[in-house]
Amino acid sequence: MPSGCLLSRDANSVVAGDFDDGGPGVIMHDLDYTNRRQPHFYFFYENNQDDHPWKYTVLQPGAQIFISVCPTFAGRIVRGNPAYNLNSSIQHNLGTWVEISWEAPPSTRSWGDVSLLEGCDGAALLASTDGSGVITGFSINILTGAPYAALASKSDGSVVLAKTVGDEANFEATQYELGLLDPTTQAFIVQSYKPVIVTTNGRWDLTVYPGTY
């Protein structure tokens, strides 16, 4: 069994939703009713494959779709814009990362978290679908009211909260997020805590809230 899903990552066409055969994947809900100026694109990236998305989709406010993944997928789901995310010469890491990974078959376990280490461009809630009721993430719009010093801009100029890790870590963004969210249960903000959850059936329920694309 290959360790990644690279055979599928070169598709440049948007996926309107995959057939749900009960296999591994993500049920996505878009509850961003405030941003109607642009399409709501979401991109799936494999780990260490930042130059090009593996798959991407577009949702309308209130829509729900299912996106399938290969049984060994490991990566992230992010908001974005095809004009930038399909351009391999542009860095597009800044923003909220919904990180998900699957154990190799025959296991059906999958691990997930909502990370703000590389910035925050909107809220997301990630829930298991195995009946455990486990959930992580948040639904409040923390971009509204954020201090100017905590902000940064994506390649397209859209404003987000800055990253909280690495050489360019933003202290103001870190403190602002820690004042609003619990790093032990809601979001990966500092490396000291990583609120990872598990779904044992290989399937996630992801709800996205107002943000910038």
N, C-alpha and C. Protein backbone atom coordinates (compact mmCIF):
# COMPACT_ATOMS: atom_id res chain seq x y z
N MET A 1 0.85 -1.19 0.00
CA MET A 1 0.00 0.00 0.00
C MET A 1 0.89 1.24 0.00
N PRO A 2 0.72 2.16 -0.94
CA PRO A 2 1.54 3.36 -0.97
C PRO A 2 1.28 4.23 0.25
N SER A 3 2.29 5.05 0.63
CA SER A 3 2.17 5.86 1.83
C SER A 3 1.47 7.18 1.57
N GLY A 4 1.20 7.52 0.32
CA GLY A 4 0.55 8.79 0.02
C GLY A 4 -0.46 8.63 -1.08
N CYS A 5 -1.00 9.77 -1.54
CA CYS A 5 -2.06 9.76 -2.55
C CYS A 5 -1.61 10.54 -3.79
N LEU A 6 -0.34 10.49 -4.10
CA LEU A 6 0.21 11.36 -5.13
C LEU A 6 -0.37 11.11 -6.51
N LEU A 7 -0.87 9.94 -6.78
CA LEU A 7 -1.41 9.65 -8.10
C LEU A 7 -2.64 10.49 -8.40
N SER A 8 -3.27 11.04 -7.38
CA SER A 8 -4.51 11.79 -7.57
C SER A 8 -4.32 13.30 -7.46
N ARG A 9 -3.13 13.78 -7.17
CA ARG A 9 -2.97 15.16 -6.78
C ARG A 9 -2.77 16.13 -7.93
N ASP A 10 -2.77 15.66 -9.19
CA ASP A 10 -2.50 16.57 -10.29
C ASP A 10 -3.75 17.11 -10.97
N ALA A 11 -4.93 16.75 -10.48
CA ALA A 11 -6.16 17.22 -11.09
C ALA A 11 -6.32 18.72 -10.85
N ASN A 12 -6.61 19.47 -11.92
CA ASN A 12 -6.76 20.91 -11.81
C ASN A 12 -8.22 21.35 -11.83
N SER A 13 -9.14 20.43 -11.99
CA SER A 13 -10.55 20.78 -12.06
C SER A 13 -11.20 20.68 -10.69
N VAL A 14 -12.14 21.57 -10.44
CA VAL A 14 -12.81 21.60 -9.15
C VAL A 14 -13.72 20.38 -9.01
N VAL A 15 -13.78 19.83 -7.81
CA VAL A 15 -14.62 18.68 -7.50
C VAL A 15 -15.92 19.18 -6.88
N ALA A 16 -17.04 18.84 -7.47
CA ALA A 16 -18.33 19.30 -6.96
C ALA A 16 -18.87 18.41 -5.86
N GLY A 17 -18.07 17.46 -5.42
CA GLY A 17 -18.48 16.48 -4.43
C GLY A 17 -18.27 15.09 -4.98
N ASP A 18 -17.89 14.16 -4.12
CA ASP A 18 -17.62 12.79 -4.54
C ASP A 18 -18.77 11.87 -4.15
N PHE A 19 -18.87 10.76 -4.85
CA PHE A 19 -19.85 9.74 -4.49
C PHE A 19 -19.48 9.15 -3.14
N ASP A 20 -20.44 9.10 -2.26
CA ASP A 20 -20.19 8.58 -0.91
C ASP A 20 -20.46 7.09 -0.88
N ASP A 21 -19.38 6.32 -0.91
CA ASP A 21 -19.50 4.86 -0.89
C ASP A 21 -19.27 4.30 0.50
N GLY A 22 -19.24 5.18 1.51
CA GLY A 22 -19.01 4.75 2.87
C GLY A 22 -17.55 4.68 3.26
N GLY A 23 -16.65 5.03 2.33
CA GLY A 23 -15.23 4.98 2.60
C GLY A 23 -14.72 6.21 3.32
N PRO A 24 -13.40 6.33 3.47
CA PRO A 24 -12.82 7.45 4.20
C PRO A 24 -13.08 8.78 3.50
N GLY A 25 -13.28 9.82 4.29
CA GLY A 25 -13.52 11.12 3.70
C GLY A 25 -14.07 12.11 4.70
N VAL A 26 -14.52 13.25 4.15
CA VAL A 26 -14.98 14.38 4.96
C VAL A 26 -16.32 14.88 4.44
N ILE A 27 -17.30 14.96 5.33
CA ILE A 27 -18.57 15.62 5.02
C ILE A 27 -18.38 17.10 5.36
N MET A 28 -18.50 17.95 4.36
CA MET A 28 -18.24 19.38 4.54
C MET A 28 -19.52 20.19 4.51
N HIS A 29 -19.64 21.14 5.45
CA HIS A 29 -20.77 22.05 5.52
C HIS A 29 -20.23 23.49 5.48
N ASP A 30 -20.80 24.32 4.65
CA ASP A 30 -20.41 25.73 4.58
C ASP A 30 -21.49 26.58 5.24
N LEU A 31 -21.12 27.24 6.35
CA LEU A 31 -22.05 28.13 7.05
C LEU A 31 -21.56 29.58 6.99
N ASP A 32 -20.81 29.91 5.95
CA ASP A 32 -20.33 31.27 5.76
C ASP A 32 -21.35 32.05 4.94
N TYR A 33 -22.33 32.63 5.62
CA TYR A 33 -23.37 33.40 4.95
C TYR A 33 -23.00 34.87 4.80
N THR A 34 -21.88 35.29 5.39
CA THR A 34 -21.52 36.71 5.39
C THR A 34 -20.66 37.10 4.20
N ASN A 35 -19.94 36.17 3.63
CA ASN A 35 -19.02 36.49 2.54
C ASN A 35 -19.59 35.94 1.23
N ARG A 36 -20.34 36.77 0.54
CA ARG A 36 -20.93 36.37 -0.73
C ARG A 36 -20.25 37.06 -1.92
N ARG A 37 -19.15 37.75 -1.66
CA ARG A 37 -18.45 38.48 -2.72
C ARG A 37 -17.60 37.56 -3.57
N GLN A 38 -17.27 36.39 -3.07
CA GLN A 38 -16.39 35.49 -3.80
C GLN A 38 -16.80 34.04 -3.53
N PRO A 39 -16.49 33.13 -4.43
CA PRO A 39 -16.79 31.71 -4.20
C PRO A 39 -16.00 31.18 -3.00
N HIS A 40 -16.55 30.20 -2.34
CA HIS A 40 -15.91 29.60 -1.18
C HIS A 40 -15.17 28.33 -1.61
N PHE A 41 -13.91 28.50 -1.94
CA PHE A 41 -13.08 27.37 -2.36
C PHE A 41 -12.35 26.77 -1.16
N TYR A 42 -12.26 25.43 -1.17
CA TYR A 42 -11.54 24.71 -0.13
C TYR A 42 -10.59 23.71 -0.80
N PHE A 43 -9.35 23.68 -0.30
CA PHE A 43 -8.29 22.90 -0.93
C PHE A 43 -7.76 21.85 0.03
N PHE A 44 -7.55 20.64 -0.51
CA PHE A 44 -6.94 19.54 0.23
C PHE A 44 -5.48 19.45 -0.19
N TYR A 45 -4.57 19.53 0.77
CA TYR A 45 -3.14 19.39 0.51
C TYR A 45 -2.60 18.17 1.24
N GLU A 46 -1.75 17.42 0.56
CA GLU A 46 -1.00 16.37 1.25
C GLU A 46 0.17 16.99 2.01
N ASN A 47 0.58 16.36 3.09
CA ASN A 47 1.75 16.82 3.82
C ASN A 47 2.96 16.89 2.90
N ASN A 48 3.73 17.96 3.05
CA ASN A 48 4.97 18.17 2.28
C ASN A 48 4.72 18.33 0.79
N GLN A 49 3.50 18.69 0.42
CA GLN A 49 3.17 18.95 -0.98
C GLN A 49 2.49 20.32 -1.07
N ASP A 50 3.21 21.34 -0.62
CA ASP A 50 2.62 22.68 -0.50
C ASP A 50 2.48 23.40 -1.84
N ASP A 51 3.12 22.87 -2.89
CA ASP A 51 3.14 23.59 -4.16
C ASP A 51 1.86 23.41 -4.97
N HIS A 52 1.05 22.40 -4.62
CA HIS A 52 -0.12 22.11 -5.44
C HIS A 52 -1.12 21.30 -4.62
N PRO A 53 -2.41 21.66 -4.68
CA PRO A 53 -3.40 20.89 -3.92
C PRO A 53 -3.63 19.51 -4.52
N TRP A 54 -4.03 18.58 -3.68
CA TRP A 54 -4.37 17.23 -4.12
C TRP A 54 -5.77 17.20 -4.72
N LYS A 55 -6.66 18.00 -4.17
CA LYS A 55 -8.04 18.08 -4.62
C LYS A 55 -8.62 19.38 -4.09
N TYR A 56 -9.60 19.95 -4.81
CA TYR A 56 -10.26 21.13 -4.26
C TYR A 56 -11.72 21.17 -4.69
N THR A 57 -12.49 21.95 -3.92
CA THR A 57 -13.92 22.02 -4.15
C THR A 57 -14.43 23.43 -3.87
N VAL A 58 -15.66 23.71 -4.26
CA VAL A 58 -16.29 25.00 -3.98
C VAL A 58 -17.67 24.74 -3.41
N LEU A 59 -18.02 25.47 -2.36
CA LEU A 59 -19.32 25.31 -1.71
C LEU A 59 -20.05 26.64 -1.67
N GLN A 60 -21.36 26.58 -1.77
CA GLN A 60 -22.21 27.74 -1.55
C GLN A 60 -22.63 27.77 -0.08
N PRO A 61 -22.94 28.95 0.45
CA PRO A 61 -23.42 29.02 1.83
C PRO A 61 -24.62 28.10 2.04
N GLY A 62 -24.55 27.28 3.07
CA GLY A 62 -25.61 26.34 3.38
C GLY A 62 -25.46 24.99 2.72
N ALA A 63 -24.46 24.85 1.85
CA ALA A 63 -24.29 23.59 1.11
C ALA A 63 -23.58 22.53 1.95
N GLN A 64 -23.79 21.28 1.56
CA GLN A 64 -23.11 20.14 2.17
C GLN A 64 -22.68 19.19 1.06
N ILE A 65 -21.43 18.72 1.13
CA ILE A 65 -20.93 17.74 0.16
C ILE A 65 -20.05 16.74 0.89
N PHE A 66 -19.73 15.66 0.19
CA PHE A 66 -18.79 14.66 0.71
C PHE A 66 -17.55 14.65 -0.19
N ILE A 67 -16.38 14.69 0.43
CA ILE A 67 -15.11 14.60 -0.30
C ILE A 67 -14.39 13.34 0.17
N SER A 68 -14.12 12.45 -0.76
CA SER A 68 -13.42 11.21 -0.43
C SER A 68 -11.92 11.41 -0.46
N VAL A 69 -11.21 10.59 0.27
CA VAL A 69 -9.75 10.61 0.27
C VAL A 69 -9.25 9.17 0.10
N CYS A 70 -7.98 9.05 -0.24
CA CYS A 70 -7.40 7.72 -0.31
C CYS A 70 -7.19 7.21 1.12
N PRO A 71 -7.07 5.90 1.33
CA PRO A 71 -7.03 5.35 2.69
C PRO A 71 -5.83 5.77 3.52
N THR A 72 -4.81 6.37 2.89
CA THR A 72 -3.61 6.77 3.64
C THR A 72 -3.39 8.27 3.58
N PHE A 73 -4.43 9.03 3.28
CA PHE A 73 -4.26 10.48 3.15
C PHE A 73 -3.79 11.09 4.46
N ALA A 74 -2.86 12.04 4.35
CA ALA A 74 -2.38 12.82 5.49
C ALA A 74 -2.11 14.23 5.00
N GLY A 75 -2.82 15.20 5.55
CA GLY A 75 -2.63 16.56 5.08
C GLY A 75 -3.55 17.54 5.76
N ARG A 76 -4.04 18.51 4.98
CA ARG A 76 -4.84 19.59 5.55
C ARG A 76 -5.90 20.07 4.56
N ILE A 77 -6.93 20.72 5.11
CA ILE A 77 -7.96 21.40 4.33
C ILE A 77 -7.86 22.88 4.66
N VAL A 78 -7.82 23.72 3.62
CA VAL A 78 -7.70 25.16 3.84
C VAL A 78 -8.63 25.92 2.91
N ARG A 79 -8.99 27.14 3.28
CA ARG A 79 -9.68 28.04 2.37
C ARG A 79 -8.67 28.55 1.34
N GLY A 80 -9.19 29.00 0.18
CA GLY A 80 -8.26 29.52 -0.80
C GLY A 80 -8.91 30.10 -2.04
N ASN A 81 -8.07 30.32 -3.04
CA ASN A 81 -8.46 30.94 -4.29
C ASN A 81 -7.68 30.25 -5.41
N PRO A 82 -8.34 29.67 -6.41
CA PRO A 82 -7.62 28.94 -7.47
C PRO A 82 -6.55 29.78 -8.16
N ALA A 83 -6.77 31.09 -8.27
CA ALA A 83 -5.79 31.94 -8.93
C ALA A 83 -4.44 31.92 -8.22
N TYR A 84 -4.47 31.60 -6.94
CA TYR A 84 -3.24 31.57 -6.16
C TYR A 84 -2.86 30.14 -5.76
N ASN A 85 -3.84 29.36 -5.32
CA ASN A 85 -3.53 28.02 -4.84
C ASN A 85 -3.10 27.07 -5.93
N LEU A 86 -3.47 27.34 -7.18
CA LEU A 86 -3.01 26.49 -8.29
C LEU A 86 -1.74 27.02 -8.94
N ASN A 87 -1.22 28.10 -8.40
CA ASN A 87 0.03 28.68 -8.88
C ASN A 87 1.16 28.21 -7.95
N SER A 88 1.98 27.31 -8.43
CA SER A 88 3.00 26.69 -7.58
C SER A 88 4.11 27.66 -7.19
N SER A 89 4.16 28.82 -7.80
CA SER A 89 5.23 29.78 -7.48
C SER A 89 4.84 30.70 -6.33
N ILE A 90 3.61 30.59 -5.85
CA ILE A 90 3.12 31.46 -4.78
C ILE A 90 2.94 30.66 -3.50
N GLN A 91 3.45 31.20 -2.40
CA GLN A 91 3.25 30.56 -1.11
C GLN A 91 1.81 30.80 -0.64
N HIS A 92 1.14 29.76 -0.20
CA HIS A 92 -0.25 29.90 0.24
C HIS A 92 -0.50 29.06 1.49
N ASN A 93 0.39 29.21 2.46
CA ASN A 93 0.25 28.47 3.72
C ASN A 93 -0.51 29.26 4.78
N LEU A 94 -0.64 30.57 4.60
CA LEU A 94 -1.19 31.42 5.65
C LEU A 94 -2.70 31.21 5.79
N GLY A 95 -3.12 30.79 6.98
CA GLY A 95 -4.55 30.58 7.22
C GLY A 95 -4.82 29.41 8.13
N THR A 96 -6.08 29.16 8.41
CA THR A 96 -6.51 28.05 9.26
C THR A 96 -6.26 26.72 8.55
N TRP A 97 -5.66 25.78 9.26
CA TRP A 97 -5.44 24.43 8.72
C TRP A 97 -6.32 23.44 9.49
N VAL A 98 -7.16 22.72 8.78
CA VAL A 98 -7.85 21.57 9.36
C VAL A 98 -7.01 20.35 8.98
N GLU A 99 -6.27 19.84 9.94
CA GLU A 99 -5.31 18.77 9.68
C GLU A 99 -5.95 17.41 9.93
N ILE A 100 -5.81 16.51 8.95
CA ILE A 100 -6.41 15.18 9.05
C ILE A 100 -5.44 14.14 8.50
N SER A 101 -5.42 12.98 9.11
CA SER A 101 -4.57 11.89 8.62
C SER A 101 -5.20 10.56 8.98
N TRP A 102 -4.96 9.58 8.12
CA TRP A 102 -5.53 8.25 8.28
C TRP A 102 -4.43 7.23 8.53
N GLU A 103 -4.70 6.30 9.44
CA GLU A 103 -3.81 5.18 9.63
C GLU A 103 -3.94 4.23 8.44
N ALA A 104 -2.88 3.49 8.18
CA ALA A 104 -2.90 2.57 7.05
C ALA A 104 -3.91 1.44 7.29
N PRO A 105 -4.60 0.99 6.23
CA PRO A 105 -5.52 -0.14 6.35
C PRO A 105 -4.77 -1.36 6.90
N PRO A 106 -5.43 -2.24 7.64
CA PRO A 106 -6.90 -2.33 7.80
C PRO A 106 -7.50 -1.39 8.84
N SER A 107 -6.67 -0.57 9.51
CA SER A 107 -7.23 0.38 10.47
C SER A 107 -8.11 1.39 9.75
N THR A 108 -9.17 1.83 10.41
CA THR A 108 -10.03 2.88 9.88
C THR A 108 -9.95 4.15 10.73
N ARG A 109 -8.98 4.20 11.62
CA ARG A 109 -8.86 5.36 12.50
C ARG A 109 -8.25 6.54 11.74
N SER A 110 -8.75 7.73 12.07
CA SER A 110 -8.24 8.96 11.50
C SER A 110 -8.10 10.00 12.61
N TRP A 111 -7.04 10.81 12.50
CA TRP A 111 -6.73 11.82 13.49
C TRP A 111 -6.96 13.20 12.90
N GLY A 112 -7.41 14.15 13.72
CA GLY A 112 -7.68 15.48 13.20
C GLY A 112 -7.52 16.58 14.24
N ASP A 113 -7.24 17.78 13.77
CA ASP A 113 -7.18 18.95 14.64
C ASP A 113 -7.40 20.20 13.80
N VAL A 114 -7.68 21.31 14.46
CA VAL A 114 -7.78 22.62 13.82
C VAL A 114 -6.59 23.44 14.29
N SER A 115 -5.72 23.80 13.34
CA SER A 115 -4.46 24.46 13.68
C SER A 115 -4.46 25.91 13.22
N LEU A 116 -4.02 26.80 14.14
CA LEU A 116 -3.83 28.22 13.83
C LEU A 116 -2.36 28.58 13.84
N LEU A 117 -1.49 27.59 13.84
CA LEU A 117 -0.06 27.85 13.87
C LEU A 117 0.39 28.64 12.65
N GLU A 118 -0.22 28.37 11.50
CA GLU A 118 0.16 29.06 10.26
C GLU A 118 -0.80 30.21 9.94
N GLY A 119 -1.53 30.67 10.94
CA GLY A 119 -2.46 31.77 10.75
C GLY A 119 -3.90 31.34 10.94
N CYS A 120 -4.80 32.31 10.83
CA CYS A 120 -6.23 32.02 10.96
C CYS A 120 -6.99 32.89 9.97
N ASP A 121 -7.70 32.26 9.03
CA ASP A 121 -8.55 32.99 8.09
C ASP A 121 -10.02 32.64 8.26
N GLY A 122 -10.37 32.09 9.42
CA GLY A 122 -11.76 31.76 9.70
C GLY A 122 -11.89 30.57 10.62
N ALA A 123 -13.09 30.38 11.12
CA ALA A 123 -13.36 29.33 12.09
C ALA A 123 -13.74 28.02 11.42
N ALA A 124 -13.52 26.91 12.12
CA ALA A 124 -13.89 25.59 11.65
C ALA A 124 -14.13 24.67 12.83
N LEU A 125 -15.11 23.79 12.70
CA LEU A 125 -15.39 22.76 13.70
C LEU A 125 -15.22 21.40 13.05
N LEU A 126 -14.44 20.54 13.68
CA LEU A 126 -14.20 19.19 13.17
C LEU A 126 -14.75 18.19 14.17
N ALA A 127 -15.62 17.30 13.70
CA ALA A 127 -16.28 16.35 14.59
C ALA A 127 -16.11 14.93 14.09
N SER A 128 -15.96 13.99 15.02
CA SER A 128 -15.94 12.59 14.66
C SER A 128 -17.35 12.16 14.27
N THR A 129 -17.44 11.10 13.50
CA THR A 129 -18.76 10.57 13.11
C THR A 129 -18.93 9.13 13.58
N ASP A 130 -18.15 8.73 14.57
CA ASP A 130 -18.21 7.35 15.04
C ASP A 130 -19.12 7.17 16.24
N GLY A 131 -19.88 8.21 16.60
CA GLY A 131 -20.79 8.13 17.73
C GLY A 131 -20.19 8.56 19.04
N SER A 132 -18.89 8.91 19.06
CA SER A 132 -18.23 9.29 20.30
C SER A 132 -18.57 10.71 20.73
N GLY A 133 -19.01 11.54 19.79
CA GLY A 133 -19.33 12.93 20.11
C GLY A 133 -18.13 13.83 20.27
N VAL A 134 -16.94 13.36 19.91
CA VAL A 134 -15.73 14.15 20.06
C VAL A 134 -15.68 15.24 19.00
N ILE A 135 -15.27 16.45 19.42
CA ILE A 135 -15.24 17.59 18.52
C ILE A 135 -14.10 18.52 18.91
N THR A 136 -13.55 19.21 17.94
CA THR A 136 -12.53 20.23 18.20
C THR A 136 -12.74 21.37 17.23
N GLY A 137 -12.14 22.51 17.53
CA GLY A 137 -12.30 23.69 16.71
C GLY A 137 -13.17 24.73 17.38
N PHE A 138 -13.65 25.68 16.60
CA PHE A 138 -14.43 26.78 17.15
C PHE A 138 -15.31 27.37 16.05
N SER A 139 -16.34 28.12 16.45
CA SER A 139 -17.28 28.68 15.49
C SER A 139 -17.33 30.20 15.49
N ILE A 140 -16.69 30.85 16.46
CA ILE A 140 -16.76 32.31 16.54
C ILE A 140 -15.81 32.94 15.53
N ASN A 141 -16.16 34.13 15.06
CA ASN A 141 -15.34 34.86 14.10
C ASN A 141 -14.31 35.70 14.86
N ILE A 142 -13.12 35.15 15.05
CA ILE A 142 -12.10 35.87 15.82
C ILE A 142 -11.35 36.88 14.96
N LEU A 143 -11.61 36.94 13.66
CA LEU A 143 -11.00 37.96 12.82
C LEU A 143 -11.58 39.34 13.14
N THR A 144 -12.88 39.37 13.45
CA THR A 144 -13.53 40.63 13.81
C THR A 144 -13.02 41.13 15.15
N GLY A 145 -12.52 42.34 15.18
CA GLY A 145 -12.03 42.91 16.42
C GLY A 145 -10.59 42.59 16.76
N ALA A 146 -9.90 41.87 15.89
CA ALA A 146 -8.50 41.53 16.15
C ALA A 146 -7.62 42.77 16.09
N PRO A 147 -6.61 42.88 16.95
CA PRO A 147 -5.72 44.04 16.92
C PRO A 147 -4.93 44.09 15.62
N TYR A 148 -4.65 45.29 15.15
CA TYR A 148 -3.95 45.47 13.88
C TYR A 148 -2.61 44.75 13.88
N ALA A 149 -1.92 44.78 15.00
CA ALA A 149 -0.58 44.18 15.08
C ALA A 149 -0.62 42.66 14.95
N ALA A 150 -1.81 42.07 15.09
CA ALA A 150 -1.93 40.60 15.00
C ALA A 150 -2.26 40.13 13.59
N LEU A 151 -2.41 41.07 12.66
CA LEU A 151 -2.89 40.73 11.32
C LEU A 151 -1.76 40.56 10.31
N ALA A 152 -2.09 39.83 9.25
CA ALA A 152 -1.18 39.63 8.12
C ALA A 152 -2.04 39.53 6.87
N SER A 153 -1.40 39.48 5.70
CA SER A 153 -2.14 39.41 4.44
C SER A 153 -1.72 38.20 3.64
N LYS A 154 -2.71 37.54 3.02
CA LYS A 154 -2.43 36.48 2.08
C LYS A 154 -1.88 37.07 0.78
N SER A 155 -1.52 36.19 -0.14
CA SER A 155 -0.98 36.64 -1.42
C SER A 155 -1.97 37.50 -2.18
N ASP A 156 -3.27 37.25 -2.00
CA ASP A 156 -4.28 38.01 -2.73
C ASP A 156 -4.69 39.28 -1.99
N GLY A 157 -4.05 39.55 -0.85
CA GLY A 157 -4.34 40.74 -0.09
C GLY A 157 -5.39 40.59 0.99
N SER A 158 -6.05 39.45 1.07
CA SER A 158 -7.07 39.26 2.10
C SER A 158 -6.40 39.21 3.48
N VAL A 159 -7.08 39.78 4.46
CA VAL A 159 -6.51 39.95 5.80
C VAL A 159 -6.85 38.74 6.67
N VAL A 160 -5.84 38.25 7.39
CA VAL A 160 -5.99 37.10 8.28
C VAL A 160 -5.20 37.37 9.55
N LEU A 161 -5.35 36.50 10.54
CA LEU A 161 -4.49 36.55 11.71
C LEU A 161 -3.16 35.90 11.36
N ALA A 162 -2.09 36.46 11.85
CA ALA A 162 -0.75 36.01 11.51
C ALA A 162 -0.42 34.67 12.15
N LYS A 163 0.65 34.05 11.68
CA LYS A 163 1.09 32.76 12.19
C LYS A 163 1.63 32.90 13.61
N THR A 164 1.63 31.82 14.35
CA THR A 164 2.08 31.83 15.75
C THR A 164 3.27 30.93 15.99
N VAL A 165 3.90 30.45 14.93
CA VAL A 165 5.01 29.53 15.08
C VAL A 165 6.11 29.89 14.10
N GLY A 166 7.35 29.53 14.43
CA GLY A 166 8.47 29.74 13.52
C GLY A 166 9.12 31.10 13.65
N ASP A 167 10.00 31.41 12.71
CA ASP A 167 10.76 32.66 12.76
C ASP A 167 9.88 33.89 12.66
N GLU A 168 8.75 33.77 11.98
CA GLU A 168 7.85 34.92 11.80
C GLU A 168 6.65 34.85 12.73
N ALA A 169 6.78 34.14 13.83
CA ALA A 169 5.67 34.04 14.78
C ALA A 169 5.28 35.42 15.30
N ASN A 170 3.98 35.67 15.38
CA ASN A 170 3.45 36.96 15.78
C ASN A 170 2.95 36.86 17.22
N PHE A 171 3.61 37.58 18.13
CA PHE A 171 3.26 37.51 19.55
C PHE A 171 1.85 38.02 19.79
N GLU A 172 1.46 39.11 19.12
CA GLU A 172 0.13 39.68 19.33
C GLU A 172 -0.96 38.72 18.89
N ALA A 173 -0.74 38.03 17.78
CA ALA A 173 -1.72 37.05 17.31
C ALA A 173 -1.85 35.89 18.30
N THR A 174 -0.70 35.44 18.80
CA THR A 174 -0.70 34.34 19.77
C THR A 174 -1.49 34.71 21.02
N GLN A 175 -1.20 35.87 21.60
CA GLN A 175 -1.87 36.27 22.82
C GLN A 175 -3.35 36.53 22.60
N TYR A 176 -3.68 37.10 21.46
CA TYR A 176 -5.09 37.37 21.14
C TYR A 176 -5.87 36.07 21.04
N GLU A 177 -5.35 35.09 20.34
CA GLU A 177 -6.04 33.81 20.19
C GLU A 177 -6.14 33.05 21.50
N LEU A 178 -5.08 33.10 22.30
CA LEU A 178 -5.11 32.42 23.60
C LEU A 178 -6.13 33.06 24.53
N GLY A 179 -6.44 34.33 24.32
CA GLY A 179 -7.44 35.00 25.14
C GLY A 179 -8.86 34.64 24.77
N LEU A 180 -9.04 34.03 23.61
CA LEU A 180 -10.38 33.69 23.13
C LEU A 180 -10.65 32.19 23.04
N LEU A 181 -9.60 31.40 22.85
CA LEU A 181 -9.77 29.97 22.60
C LEU A 181 -8.97 29.14 23.59
N ASP A 182 -9.43 27.94 23.84
CA ASP A 182 -8.73 27.00 24.72
C ASP A 182 -7.77 26.16 23.89
N PRO A 183 -6.46 26.31 24.10
CA PRO A 183 -5.48 25.57 23.29
C PRO A 183 -5.44 24.08 23.59
N THR A 184 -6.11 23.66 24.64
CA THR A 184 -6.12 22.24 24.97
C THR A 184 -7.28 21.48 24.33
N THR A 185 -8.29 22.22 23.85
CA THR A 185 -9.46 21.54 23.28
C THR A 185 -9.93 22.12 21.96
N GLN A 186 -9.63 23.41 21.68
CA GLN A 186 -10.26 24.06 20.54
C GLN A 186 -9.35 24.25 19.32
N ALA A 187 -8.11 24.63 19.55
CA ALA A 187 -7.25 24.93 18.41
C ALA A 187 -5.79 24.79 18.79
N PHE A 188 -5.00 24.40 17.81
CA PHE A 188 -3.55 24.29 17.95
C PHE A 188 -2.98 25.69 17.75
N ILE A 189 -2.64 26.38 18.86
CA ILE A 189 -2.16 27.76 18.82
C ILE A 189 -0.69 27.83 19.19
N VAL A 190 -0.30 27.09 20.20
CA VAL A 190 1.09 27.02 20.63
C VAL A 190 1.52 25.56 20.62
N GLN A 191 2.78 25.32 20.43
CA GLN A 191 3.25 23.94 20.28
C GLN A 191 3.18 23.13 21.57
N SER A 192 2.94 23.81 22.69
CA SER A 192 2.84 23.10 23.97
C SER A 192 1.60 22.21 24.04
N TYR A 193 0.56 22.58 23.30
CA TYR A 193 -0.69 21.84 23.32
C TYR A 193 -1.14 21.53 21.90
N LYS A 194 -1.62 20.33 21.69
CA LYS A 194 -2.16 19.96 20.38
C LYS A 194 -3.44 19.16 20.60
N PRO A 195 -4.59 19.81 20.50
CA PRO A 195 -5.86 19.14 20.78
C PRO A 195 -6.32 18.25 19.63
N VAL A 196 -5.66 17.12 19.49
CA VAL A 196 -5.99 16.18 18.42
C VAL A 196 -7.12 15.25 18.87
N ILE A 197 -8.05 14.98 17.95
CA ILE A 197 -9.12 14.04 18.23
C ILE A 197 -9.07 12.90 17.21
N VAL A 198 -9.84 11.87 17.46
CA VAL A 198 -9.83 10.70 16.59
C VAL A 198 -11.26 10.30 16.23
N THR A 199 -11.44 9.84 15.02
CA THR A 199 -12.67 9.18 14.63
C THR A 199 -12.30 7.76 14.20
N THR A 200 -12.96 6.78 14.74
CA THR A 200 -12.55 5.39 14.51
C THR A 200 -13.10 4.80 13.22
N ASN A 201 -14.00 5.53 12.56
CA ASN A 201 -14.61 4.99 11.34
C ASN A 201 -14.04 5.62 10.06
N GLY A 202 -13.02 6.46 10.21
CA GLY A 202 -12.37 7.04 9.03
C GLY A 202 -13.13 8.15 8.35
N ARG A 203 -14.13 8.72 9.03
CA ARG A 203 -14.97 9.74 8.40
C ARG A 203 -15.14 10.92 9.35
N TRP A 204 -15.06 12.14 8.77
CA TRP A 204 -15.16 13.35 9.55
C TRP A 204 -16.36 14.19 9.12
N ASP A 205 -16.83 15.04 10.04
CA ASP A 205 -17.83 16.05 9.75
C ASP A 205 -17.17 17.40 10.00
N LEU A 206 -17.04 18.21 8.95
CA LEU A 206 -16.36 19.50 9.04
C LEU A 206 -17.32 20.63 8.69
N THR A 207 -17.45 21.60 9.60
CA THR A 207 -18.26 22.78 9.36
C THR A 207 -17.35 23.99 9.32
N VAL A 208 -17.48 24.79 8.26
CA VAL A 208 -16.66 26.01 8.12
C VAL A 208 -17.55 27.23 8.26
N TYR A 209 -17.00 28.26 8.89
CA TYR A 209 -17.73 29.47 9.23
C TYR A 209 -17.11 30.67 8.52
N PRO A 210 -17.65 31.88 8.71
CA PRO A 210 -17.15 33.03 7.97
C PRO A 210 -15.64 33.19 8.02
N GLY A 211 -15.07 33.49 6.85
CA GLY A 211 -13.64 33.64 6.74
C GLY A 211 -13.25 34.37 5.46
N THR A 212 -11.97 34.43 5.19
CA THR A 212 -11.46 35.07 3.99
C THR A 212 -10.82 34.01 3.09
N TYR A 213 -10.98 34.17 1.78
CA TYR A 213 -10.54 33.17 0.83
C TYR A 213 -9.45 33.71 -0.09
